[in-house]
C-alpha atoms as a PDB file:
ATOM      1  CA  MET A   1     253.346 -25.254  16.222  1.00  0.00           C
ATOM      2  CA  THR A   2     251.830 -23.039  18.330  1.00  0.00           C
ATOM      3  CA  ALA A   3     252.027 -19.364  18.228  1.00  0.00           C
ATOM      4  CA  ASP A   4     255.305 -18.581  20.250  1.00  0.00           C
ATOM      5  CA  ASP A   5     256.864 -20.968  18.357  1.00  0.00           C
ATOM      6  CA  THR A   6     255.991 -19.479  15.527  1.00  0.00           C
ATOM      7  CA  ALA A   7     257.228 -15.632  16.983  1.00  0.00           C
ATOM      8  CA  GLU A   8     260.358 -17.150  18.311  1.00  0.00           C
ATOM      9  CA  ALA A   9     264.203 -16.084  16.634  1.00  0.00           C
ATOM     10  CA  ARG A  10     265.879 -18.918  15.645  1.00  0.00           C
ATOM     11  CA  PRO A  11     267.103 -20.925  18.941  1.00  0.00           C
ATOM     12  CA  GLY A  12     270.193 -22.136  17.876  1.00  0.00           C
ATOM     13  CA  ALA A  13     271.145 -25.821  17.352  1.00  0.00           C
ATOM     14  CA  VAL A  14     270.962 -28.370  20.200  1.00  0.00           C
ATOM     15  CA  PRO A  15     273.890 -29.729  20.985  1.00  0.00           C
ATOM     16  CA  PRO A  16     273.497 -34.070  19.755  1.00  0.00           C
ATOM     17  CA  ALA A  17     273.708 -35.124  24.025  1.00  0.00           C
ATOM     18  CA  VAL A  18     271.329 -32.690  24.970  1.00  0.00           C
ATOM     19  CA  ARG A  19     269.248 -33.336  22.203  1.00  0.00           C
ATOM     20  CA  THR A  20     268.884 -37.225  23.260  1.00  0.00           C
ATOM     21  CA  VAL A  21     268.637 -36.991  26.686  1.00  0.00           C
ATOM     22  CA  TYR A  22     265.718 -34.434  26.862  1.00  0.00           C
ATOM     23  CA  GLY A  23     264.008 -35.942  23.779  1.00  0.00           C
ATOM     24  CA  PRO A  24     263.109 -39.054  23.513  1.00  0.00           C
ATOM     25  CA  ASP A  25     265.158 -40.803  26.779  1.00  0.00           C
ATOM     26  CA  ASP A  26     263.250 -37.699  28.495  1.00  0.00           C
ATOM     27  CA  LEU A  27     265.631 -37.371  31.488  1.00  0.00           C
ATOM     28  CA  SER A  28     262.822 -36.173  34.091  1.00  0.00           C
ATOM     29  CA  SER A  29     260.889 -39.525  33.728  1.00  0.00           C
ATOM     30  CA  VAL A  30     264.428 -42.040  35.447  1.00  0.00           C
ATOM     31  CA  PRO A  31     264.012 -42.540  38.726  1.00  0.00           C
ATOM     32  CA  VAL A  32     266.962 -39.976  39.528  1.00  0.00           C
ATOM     33  CA  PHE A  33     264.723 -37.102  38.522  1.00  0.00           C
ATOM     34  CA  ARG A  34     261.081 -37.982  40.386  1.00  0.00           C
ATOM     35  CA  GLY A  35     259.069 -34.908  40.613  1.00  0.00           C
ATOM     36  CA  GLY A  36     259.952 -33.408  37.210  1.00  0.00           C
ATOM     37  CA  PHE A  37     261.833 -30.856  37.730  1.00  0.00           C
ATOM     38  CA  ILE A  38     265.728 -32.444  36.925  1.00  0.00           C
ATOM     39  CA  ASN A  39     267.740 -30.802  39.414  1.00  0.00           C
ATOM     40  CA  PHE A  40     270.053 -32.920  42.053  1.00  0.00           C
ATOM     41  CA  GLY A  41     268.050 -30.847  45.000  1.00  0.00           C
ATOM     42  CA  HIS A  42     269.274 -28.838  48.076  1.00  0.00           C
ATOM     43  CA  TRP A  43     269.155 -30.977  50.704  1.00  0.00           C
ATOM     44  CA  ASP A  44     269.531 -29.136  53.877  1.00  0.00           C
ATOM     45  CA  GLY A  45     266.647 -30.333  56.675  1.00  0.00           C
ATOM     46  CA  ILE A  46     266.240 -33.585  55.436  1.00  0.00           C
ATOM     47  CA  CYS A  47     267.400 -36.243  57.622  1.00  0.00           C
ATOM     48  CA  LEU A  48     270.171 -38.424  55.335  1.00  0.00           C
ATOM     49  CA  ASP A  49     270.734 -41.039  58.141  1.00  0.00           C
ATOM     50  CA  GLY A  50     267.415 -43.060  57.347  1.00  0.00           C
ATOM     51  CA  PRO A  51     266.144 -44.283  53.916  1.00  0.00           C
ATOM     52  CA  LEU A  52     264.784 -41.578  51.402  1.00  0.00           C
ATOM     53  CA  THR A  53     261.466 -41.517  50.035  1.00  0.00           C
ATOM     54  CA  VAL A  54     260.466 -40.225  46.786  1.00  0.00           C
ATOM     55  CA  GLU A  55     258.633 -37.594  48.902  1.00  0.00           C
ATOM     56  CA  ASP A  56     261.841 -36.613  50.397  1.00  0.00           C
ATOM     57  CA  ARG A  57     263.985 -36.240  46.608  1.00  0.00           C
ATOM     58  CA  VAL A  58     260.820 -33.815  45.559  1.00  0.00           C
ATOM     59  CA  ARG A  59     261.481 -31.600  48.206  1.00  0.00           C
ATOM     60  CA  SER A  60     264.679 -31.202  48.025  1.00  0.00           C
ATOM     61  CA  GLU A  61     263.952 -30.062  44.338  1.00  0.00           C
ATOM     62  CA  ARG A  62     261.798 -27.583  44.998  1.00  0.00           C
ATOM     63  CA  GLN A  63     264.156 -26.349  47.583  1.00  0.00           C
ATOM     64  CA  LEU A  64     266.463 -25.321  45.256  1.00  0.00           C
ATOM     65  CA  TYR A  65     263.866 -23.767  43.372  1.00  0.00           C
ATOM     66  CA  ARG A  66     263.506 -21.198  46.557  1.00  0.00           C
ATOM     67  CA  ARG A  67     267.351 -21.143  47.121  1.00  0.00           C
ATOM     68  CA  VAL A  68     267.707 -19.567  43.631  1.00  0.00           C
ATOM     69  CA  LEU A  69     264.722 -17.358  43.868  1.00  0.00           C
ATOM     70  CA  ASP A  70     265.018 -15.994  47.066  1.00  0.00           C
ATOM     71  CA  ALA A  71     268.310 -14.543  46.182  1.00  0.00           C
ATOM     72  CA  LEU A  72     266.747 -12.955  43.516  1.00  0.00           C
ATOM     73  CA  GLY A  73     265.262 -10.799  46.145  1.00  0.00           C
ATOM     74  CA  SER A  74     261.763  -9.297  46.941  1.00  0.00           C
ATOM     75  CA  ASP A  75     260.437  -5.988  47.998  1.00  0.00           C
ATOM     76  CA  GLY A  76     259.942  -5.685  51.797  1.00  0.00           C
ATOM     77  CA  ASP A  77     256.427  -7.983  51.970  1.00  0.00           C
ATOM     78  CA  GLY A  78     258.637 -10.747  49.811  1.00  0.00           C
ATOM     79  CA  ARG A  79     256.573 -10.743  46.867  1.00  0.00           C
ATOM     80  CA  ARG A  80     257.800  -9.915  43.730  1.00  0.00           C
ATOM     81  CA  ARG A  81     255.230  -8.001  41.456  1.00  0.00           C
ATOM     82  CA  GLY A  82     257.636  -7.931  38.792  1.00  0.00           C
ATOM     83  CA  ARG A  83     258.690 -10.140  35.250  1.00  0.00           C
ATOM     84  CA  ALA A  84     260.933 -13.190  35.357  1.00  0.00           C
ATOM     85  CA  LEU A  85     262.851 -15.266  32.861  1.00  0.00           C
ATOM     86  CA  GLU A  86     263.827 -18.855  33.588  1.00  0.00           C
ATOM     87  CA  VAL A  87     266.590 -19.663  31.331  1.00  0.00           C
ATOM     88  CA  GLY A  88     266.454 -24.115  30.771  1.00  0.00           C
ATOM     89  CA  CYS A  89     263.163 -24.269  31.593  1.00  0.00           C
ATOM     90  CA  GLY A  90     262.278 -27.732  31.362  1.00  0.00           C
ATOM     91  CA  LEU A  91     258.979 -29.047  32.100  1.00  0.00           C
ATOM     92  CA  GLY A  92     257.950 -25.422  33.637  1.00  0.00           C
ATOM     93  CA  LEU A  93     257.395 -26.945  36.947  1.00  0.00           C
ATOM     94  CA  GLY A  94     260.012 -24.111  38.549  1.00  0.00           C
ATOM     95  CA  CYS A  95     258.006 -21.841  36.424  1.00  0.00           C
ATOM     96  CA  ALA A  96     255.004 -22.574  38.523  1.00  0.00           C
ATOM     97  CA  LEU A  97     256.067 -22.596  41.886  1.00  0.00           C
ATOM     98  CA  ALA A  98     257.566 -19.180  41.240  1.00  0.00           C
ATOM     99  CA  LEU A  99     254.513 -17.845  40.372  1.00  0.00           C
ATOM    100  CA  GLU A 100     252.610 -19.870  42.908  1.00  0.00           C
ATOM    101  CA  GLU A 101     255.221 -19.019  46.020  1.00  0.00           C
ATOM    102  CA  TYR A 102     257.012 -15.876  44.835  1.00  0.00           C
ATOM    103  CA  ALA A 103     253.766 -14.028  43.224  1.00  0.00           C
ATOM    104  CA  TYR A 104     255.584 -12.429  40.974  1.00  0.00           C
ATOM    105  CA  ASP A 105     253.235 -11.019  37.974  1.00  0.00           C
ATOM    106  CA  SER A 106     254.494 -13.254  35.245  1.00  0.00           C
ATOM    107  CA  VAL A 107     256.968 -15.824  34.775  1.00  0.00           C
ATOM    108  CA  THR A 108     258.640 -16.743  31.074  1.00  0.00           C
ATOM    109  CA  GLY A 109     259.844 -20.265  30.800  1.00  0.00           C
ATOM    110  CA  MET A 110     262.297 -20.848  28.098  1.00  0.00           C
ATOM    111  CA  ASP A 111     263.783 -23.633  26.883  1.00  0.00           C
ATOM    112  CA  ILE A 112     265.753 -24.997  23.568  1.00  0.00           C
ATOM    113  CA  HIS A 113     264.429 -28.048  23.142  1.00  0.00           C
ATOM    114  CA  PRO A 114     260.733 -28.380  21.826  1.00  0.00           C
ATOM    115  CA  ASP A 115     259.955 -31.816  23.368  1.00  0.00           C
ATOM    116  CA  GLN A 116     260.613 -30.334  26.452  1.00  0.00           C
ATOM    117  CA  LEU A 117     258.156 -27.254  26.084  1.00  0.00           C
ATOM    118  CA  ASP A 118     255.333 -29.969  25.079  1.00  0.00           C
ATOM    119  CA  ARG A 119     256.089 -31.526  28.388  1.00  0.00           C
ATOM    120  CA  ALA A 120     255.851 -28.305  30.225  1.00  0.00           C
ATOM    121  CA  ARG A 121     252.677 -27.479  28.029  1.00  0.00           C
ATOM    122  CA  ARG A 122     250.786 -30.744  29.137  1.00  0.00           C
ATOM    123  CA  ALA A 123     252.343 -30.709  32.426  1.00  0.00           C
ATOM    124  CA  ASN A 124     251.149 -26.794  32.728  1.00  0.00           C
ATOM    125  CA  ALA A 125     247.742 -26.961  31.059  1.00  0.00           C
ATOM    126  CA  ALA A 126     245.799 -26.302  33.956  1.00  0.00           C
ATOM    127  CA  LEU A 127     247.804 -22.813  34.903  1.00  0.00           C
ATOM    128  CA  LEU A 128     248.499 -22.011  31.246  1.00  0.00           C
ATOM    129  CA  SER A 129     244.424 -21.859  30.867  1.00  0.00           C
ATOM    130  CA  ALA A 130     243.325 -20.616  33.868  1.00  0.00           C
ATOM    131  CA  THR A 131     245.533 -17.524  33.865  1.00  0.00           C
ATOM    132  CA  PRO A 132     247.786 -17.859  30.511  1.00  0.00           C
ATOM    133  CA  TRP A 133     249.012 -14.043  30.997  1.00  0.00           C
ATOM    134  CA  ARG A 134     251.160 -15.346  33.703  1.00  0.00           C
ATOM    135  CA  LEU A 135     252.981 -18.495  32.147  1.00  0.00           C
ATOM    136  CA  ARG A 136     254.569 -17.874  29.116  1.00  0.00           C
ATOM    137  CA  LEU A 137     256.436 -20.610  27.385  1.00  0.00           C
ATOM    138  CA  VAL A 138     259.425 -19.845  24.373  1.00  0.00           C
ATOM    139  CA  ARG A 139     261.716 -21.846  22.423  1.00  0.00           C
ATOM    140  CA  GLY A 140     265.286 -20.045  22.746  1.00  0.00           C
ATOM    141  CA  ALA A 141     268.755 -20.665  23.559  1.00  0.00           C
ATOM    142  CA  ALA A 142     270.859 -19.338  26.157  1.00  0.00           C
ATOM    143  CA  GLU A 143     272.611 -17.514  23.976  1.00  0.00           C
ATOM    144  CA  ARG A 144     270.303 -15.991  21.667  1.00  0.00           C
ATOM    145  CA  MET A 145     267.178 -15.190  23.663  1.00  0.00           C
ATOM    146  CA  PRO A 146     263.946 -14.290  21.781  1.00  0.00           C
ATOM    147  CA  VAL A 147     262.741 -11.454  24.304  1.00  0.00           C
ATOM    148  CA  GLY A 148     263.290  -7.957  24.360  1.00  0.00           C
ATOM    149  CA  ASP A 149     265.657  -5.823  25.410  1.00  0.00           C
ATOM    150  CA  GLY A 150     264.952  -4.958  29.476  1.00  0.00           C
ATOM    151  CA  GLU A 151     261.360  -6.910  29.364  1.00  0.00           C
ATOM    152  CA  PHE A 152     262.368  -8.461  32.798  1.00  0.00           C
ATOM    153  CA  ASP A 153     263.104  -7.965  36.437  1.00  0.00           C
ATOM    154  CA  GLN A 154     264.966 -11.263  37.266  1.00  0.00           C
ATOM    155  CA  VAL A 155     266.166 -13.587  35.344  1.00  0.00           C
ATOM    156  CA  TYR A 156     267.119 -17.416  36.877  1.00  0.00           C
ATOM    157  CA  SER A 157     268.369 -20.631  35.564  1.00  0.00           C
ATOM    158  CA  VAL A 158     268.570 -23.970  37.830  1.00  0.00           C
ATOM    159  CA  GLU A 159     270.644 -26.690  36.535  1.00  0.00           C
ATOM    160  CA  ALA A 160     270.819 -25.729  32.816  1.00  0.00           C
ATOM    161  CA  ALA A 161     274.143 -23.756  32.662  1.00  0.00           C
ATOM    162  CA  GLN A 162     276.448 -26.845  32.606  1.00  0.00           C
ATOM    163  CA  HIS A 163     274.572 -27.378  29.192  1.00  0.00           C
ATOM    164  CA  PHE A 164     275.519 -24.017  27.662  1.00  0.00           C
ATOM    165  CA  ARG A 165     278.382 -23.502  24.751  1.00  0.00           C
ATOM    166  CA  ASP A 166     279.368 -19.797  25.168  1.00  0.00           C
ATOM    167  CA  VAL A 167     278.434 -18.125  28.684  1.00  0.00           C
ATOM    168  CA  ASP A 168     279.703 -15.038  27.309  1.00  0.00           C
ATOM    169  CA  ALA A 169     276.966 -15.118  24.643  1.00  0.00           C
ATOM    170  CA  PHE A 170     274.814 -16.051  27.903  1.00  0.00           C
ATOM    171  CA  ALA A 171     276.196 -13.600  29.763  1.00  0.00           C
ATOM    172  CA  ARG A 172     275.308 -10.970  27.739  1.00  0.00           C
ATOM    173  CA  GLU A 173     272.157 -12.064  26.757  1.00  0.00           C
ATOM    174  CA  CYS A 174     271.268 -11.528  30.791  1.00  0.00           C
ATOM    175  CA  ALA A 175     272.588  -8.235  30.359  1.00  0.00           C
ATOM    176  CA  ARG A 176     270.371  -7.066  27.090  1.00  0.00           C
ATOM    177  CA  VAL A 177     266.987  -8.284  28.621  1.00  0.00           C
ATOM    178  CA  LEU A 178     267.419  -7.622  32.346  1.00  0.00           C
ATOM    179  CA  ARG A 179     266.152  -4.272  33.115  1.00  0.00           C
ATOM    180  CA  PRO A 180     268.492  -1.628  35.343  1.00  0.00           C
ATOM    181  CA  GLY A 181     268.390  -2.428  38.776  1.00  0.00           C
ATOM    182  CA  GLY A 182     267.399  -6.456  37.646  1.00  0.00           C
ATOM    183  CA  ARG A 183     269.056  -9.284  38.915  1.00  0.00           C
ATOM    184  CA  ALA A 184     270.062 -12.831  37.460  1.00  0.00           C
ATOM    185  CA  ALA A 185     270.551 -16.074  39.954  1.00  0.00           C
ATOM    186  CA  VAL A 186     272.183 -19.262  38.164  1.00  0.00           C
ATOM    187  CA  ALA A 187     272.677 -22.210  40.129  1.00  0.00           C
ATOM    188  CA  SER A 188     274.806 -25.211  38.030  1.00  0.00           C
ATOM    189  CA  PHE A 189     277.742 -26.894  38.993  1.00  0.00           C
ATOM    190  CA  PHE A 190     280.895 -26.271  37.753  1.00  0.00           C
ATOM    191  CA  VAL A 191     284.859 -26.639  38.254  1.00  0.00           C
ATOM    192  CA  PRO A 192     286.017 -24.505  41.107  1.00  0.00           C
ATOM    193  CA  GLY A 193     288.358 -22.106  40.121  1.00  0.00           C
ATOM    194  CA  ASN A 194     288.623 -18.778  37.517  1.00  0.00           C
ATOM    195  CA  GLU A 195     291.212 -21.396  35.032  1.00  0.00           C
ATOM    196  CA  THR A 196     289.980 -24.054  32.468  1.00  0.00           C
ATOM    197  CA  ARG A 197     291.975 -27.199  33.466  1.00  0.00           C
ATOM    198  CA  PRO A 198     292.060 -29.626  30.921  1.00  0.00           C
ATOM    199  CA  ASP A 199     293.038 -32.449  33.463  1.00  0.00           C
ATOM    200  CA  VAL A 200     289.968 -31.924  35.658  1.00  0.00           C
ATOM    201  CA  ALA A 201     287.937 -32.329  32.467  1.00  0.00           C
ATOM    202  CA  ARG A 202     289.443 -35.499  31.300  1.00  0.00           C
ATOM    203  CA  GLU A 203     289.346 -36.720  35.033  1.00  0.00           C
ATOM    204  CA  LEU A 204     285.327 -36.003  34.749  1.00  0.00           C
ATOM    205  CA  ALA A 205     284.668 -37.547  31.890  1.00  0.00           C
ATOM    206  CA  VAL A 206     286.563 -40.545  32.925  1.00  0.00           C
ATOM    207  CA  ARG A 207     284.418 -40.586  35.949  1.00  0.00           C
ATOM    208  CA  LEU A 208     281.104 -39.268  34.920  1.00  0.00           C
ATOM    209  CA  ASP A 209     279.109 -40.172  31.409  1.00  0.00           C
ATOM    210  CA  SER A 210     277.569 -36.793  31.393  1.00  0.00           C
ATOM    211  CA  PHE A 211     280.865 -35.199  30.862  1.00  0.00           C
ATOM    212  CA  ALA A 212     282.381 -38.279  28.628  1.00  0.00           C
ATOM    213  CA  SER A 213     279.253 -37.938  26.326  1.00  0.00           C
ATOM    214  CA  GLY A 214     279.730 -34.172  26.291  1.00  0.00           C
ATOM    215  CA  LEU A 215     276.358 -33.255  27.474  1.00  0.00           C
ATOM    216  CA  ASP A 216     277.974 -31.268  30.605  1.00  0.00           C
ATOM    217  CA  VAL A 217     280.787 -29.106  30.313  1.00  0.00           C
ATOM    218  CA  ALA A 218     283.916 -28.918  32.064  1.00  0.00           C
ATOM    219  CA  ARG A 219     283.806 -25.198  32.559  1.00  0.00           C
ATOM    220  CA  PRO A 220     285.205 -23.060  35.859  1.00  0.00           C
ATOM    221  CA  VAL A 221     282.830 -21.465  38.421  1.00  0.00           C
ATOM    222  CA  GLY A 222     285.394 -18.392  37.148  1.00  0.00           C
ATOM    223  CA  ALA A 223     284.030 -18.337  33.362  1.00  0.00           C
ATOM    224  CA  LEU A 224     281.107 -17.524  33.993  1.00  0.00           C
ATOM    225  CA  THR A 225     281.199 -15.157  37.001  1.00  0.00           C
ATOM    226  CA  GLY A 226     283.956 -13.366  34.549  1.00  0.00           C
ATOM    227  CA  ALA A 227     281.690 -13.051  31.732  1.00  0.00           C
ATOM    228  CA  LEU A 228     278.309 -11.778  33.435  1.00  0.00           C
ATOM    229  CA  ALA A 229     281.255  -9.169  34.869  1.00  0.00           C
ATOM    230  CA  ALA A 230     282.009  -8.540  31.301  1.00  0.00           C
ATOM    231  CA  ALA A 231     278.933  -8.137  29.842  1.00  0.00           C
ATOM    232  CA  GLY A 232     278.370  -4.889  32.814  1.00  0.00           C
ATOM    233  CA  LEU A 233     276.673  -6.738  35.380  1.00  0.00           C
ATOM    234  CA  ALA A 234     277.883  -5.794  38.467  1.00  0.00           C
ATOM    235  CA  ASP A 235     277.968  -7.204  42.335  1.00  0.00           C
ATOM    236  CA  VAL A 236     279.037 -10.938  40.840  1.00  0.00           C
ATOM    237  CA  ARG A 237     279.206 -13.530  43.432  1.00  0.00           C
ATOM    238  CA  ALA A 238     279.570 -17.332  43.853  1.00  0.00           C
ATOM    239  CA  VAL A 239     278.437 -19.000  46.610  1.00  0.00           C
ATOM    240  CA  SER A 240     279.212 -23.046  46.996  1.00  0.00           C
ATOM    241  CA  LEU A 241     275.772 -24.754  47.685  1.00  0.00           C
ATOM    242  CA  GLY A 242     278.017 -28.329  47.407  1.00  0.00           C
ATOM    243  CA  ALA A 243     277.229 -29.555  51.311  1.00  0.00           C
ATOM    244  CA  SER A 244     273.698 -28.798  51.000  1.00  0.00           C
ATOM    245  CA  VAL A 245     273.660 -31.063  47.447  1.00  0.00           C
ATOM    246  CA  TRP A 246     276.370 -33.603  46.918  1.00  0.00           C
ATOM    247  CA  PRO A 247     275.997 -35.776  49.886  1.00  0.00           C
ATOM    248  CA  GLY A 248     272.010 -35.759  49.927  1.00  0.00           C
ATOM    249  CA  LEU A 249     272.179 -36.851  46.174  1.00  0.00           C
ATOM    250  CA  ASP A 250     274.303 -39.236  46.570  1.00  0.00           C
ATOM    251  CA  ARG A 251     272.698 -40.682  49.771  1.00  0.00           C
ATOM    252  CA  TYR A 252     269.632 -40.577  47.782  1.00  0.00           C
ATOM    253  CA  LEU A 253     271.226 -42.390  44.921  1.00  0.00           C
ATOM    254  CA  GLU A 254     272.465 -45.057  46.825  1.00  0.00           C
ATOM    255  CA  GLY A 255     268.768 -46.208  47.922  1.00  0.00           C
ATOM    256  CA  LEU A 256     268.145 -46.647  43.976  1.00  0.00           C
ATOM    257  CA  HIS A 257     269.846 -49.680  43.001  1.00  0.00           C
ATOM    258  CA  LEU A 258     270.895 -48.232  39.727  1.00  0.00           C
ATOM    259  CA  ASP A 259     271.932 -50.591  36.577  1.00  0.00           C
ATOM    260  CA  VAL A 260     275.165 -48.168  36.850  1.00  0.00           C
ATOM    261  CA  SER A 261     277.459 -46.594  39.334  1.00  0.00           C
ATOM    262  CA  TRP A 262     279.127 -44.001  37.443  1.00  0.00           C
ATOM    263  CA  PRO A 263     276.718 -41.341  39.274  1.00  0.00           C
ATOM    264  CA  ARG A 264     278.046 -41.972  42.639  1.00  0.00           C
ATOM    265  CA  ASN A 265     281.180 -40.393  41.395  1.00  0.00           C
ATOM    266  CA  PHE A 266     279.596 -36.443  42.170  1.00  0.00           C
ATOM    267  CA  LEU A 267     279.886 -36.785  45.496  1.00  0.00           C
ATOM    268  CA  ARG A 268     283.638 -38.250  45.152  1.00  0.00           C
ATOM    269  CA  SER A 269     284.373 -36.035  42.749  1.00  0.00           C
ATOM    270  CA  TYR A 270     283.165 -33.048  44.615  1.00  0.00           C
ATOM    271  CA  ARG A 271     285.377 -34.252  47.732  1.00  0.00           C
ATOM    272  CA  ASP A 272     288.135 -34.594  45.392  1.00  0.00           C
ATOM    273  CA  GLY A 273     288.273 -30.879  44.527  1.00  0.00           C
ATOM    274  CA  LEU A 274     287.141 -31.528  41.143  1.00  0.00           C
ATOM    275  CA  LEU A 275     283.359 -30.300  41.001  1.00  0.00           C
ATOM    276  CA  ASP A 276     281.157 -28.031  42.828  1.00  0.00           C
ATOM    277  CA  TYR A 277     277.544 -26.966  42.763  1.00  0.00           C
ATOM    278  CA  TYR A 278     277.086 -22.632  42.996  1.00  0.00           C
ATOM    279  CA  LEU A 279     274.482 -20.239  42.843  1.00  0.00           C
ATOM    280  CA  VAL A 280     275.630 -17.269  40.643  1.00  0.00           C
ATOM    281  CA  THR A 281     273.656 -13.915  41.335  1.00  0.00           C
ATOM    282  CA  ALA A 282     274.468 -10.522  39.282  1.00  0.00           C
ATOM    283  CA  ASP A 283     272.770  -7.147  38.966  1.00  0.00           C
ATOM    284  CA  ARG A 284     272.244  -5.003  36.264  1.00  0.00           C
ATOM    285  CA  PRO A 285     273.579  -0.992  37.269  1.00  0.00           C
ATOM    286  CA  THR A 286     270.500   1.341  37.779  1.00  0.00           C
ATOM    287  CA  LYS A 287     272.859   3.925  35.417  1.00  0.00           C
ATOM    288  CA  GLN A 288     275.473   2.784  32.758  1.00  0.00           C
ATOM    289  CA  ARG A 289     279.392   2.878  33.833  1.00  0.00           C
ATOM    290  CA  ASP A 290     281.338   4.840  32.263  1.00  0.00           C
END
């Protein structure tokens, strides 16, 4: 157990499917997620007409992180010079990218799964050794973050929100840990619209094992945008990234010769209007609203 672990508040229970997939199953080791970033990728600029390589897959994963980090904004010279928190950091490779390419003063990577944090410490051993003040890895839940009020200039999360059980609590925590004038950005897949759709949830569970197992939650994107607004954040926006995510992912899956066919249903579900991929941003106002 590390000093970070002993200093943390209780992180909350890890949902059973999350415990398995990110624990002994080690999702980062499967061919779909080569590169270790554990996201579906942003495929703009990658030719989908011919065979896709592992290098293409890693490029797509890194590009998704860049799309999120770019949405957080920057100083006039493109630098961050601030403190950022990644919620659901996985192996911490996105934290390292943020430090290396966006020049944050520091990044804190938080994950609910202790196995993921162990992997993150191994994957980032050189960075942690060379500049330990710039990268911090802590265990915590999205709904109960073990960090201080107003501690961060920016909060971001890449393809973790589909696992969150309580987006209202997550939104309140984002508002709490952001400084006035700070910004949050969340990228993940949601059901389009504002209303809960039990029929869509049932159909996604039929098509996609990750929904059937309870790993992913069939939640409308409006649940997140509404929660962020209710928590006091402003200028809440959701932008669809589906056209840049689903076709490229499916094209890559096509070349893997998977033992199961259900992952190919992500693109089908997107085309049928059941699921989309979104980038959601929100700002903490500089002044408290009356």
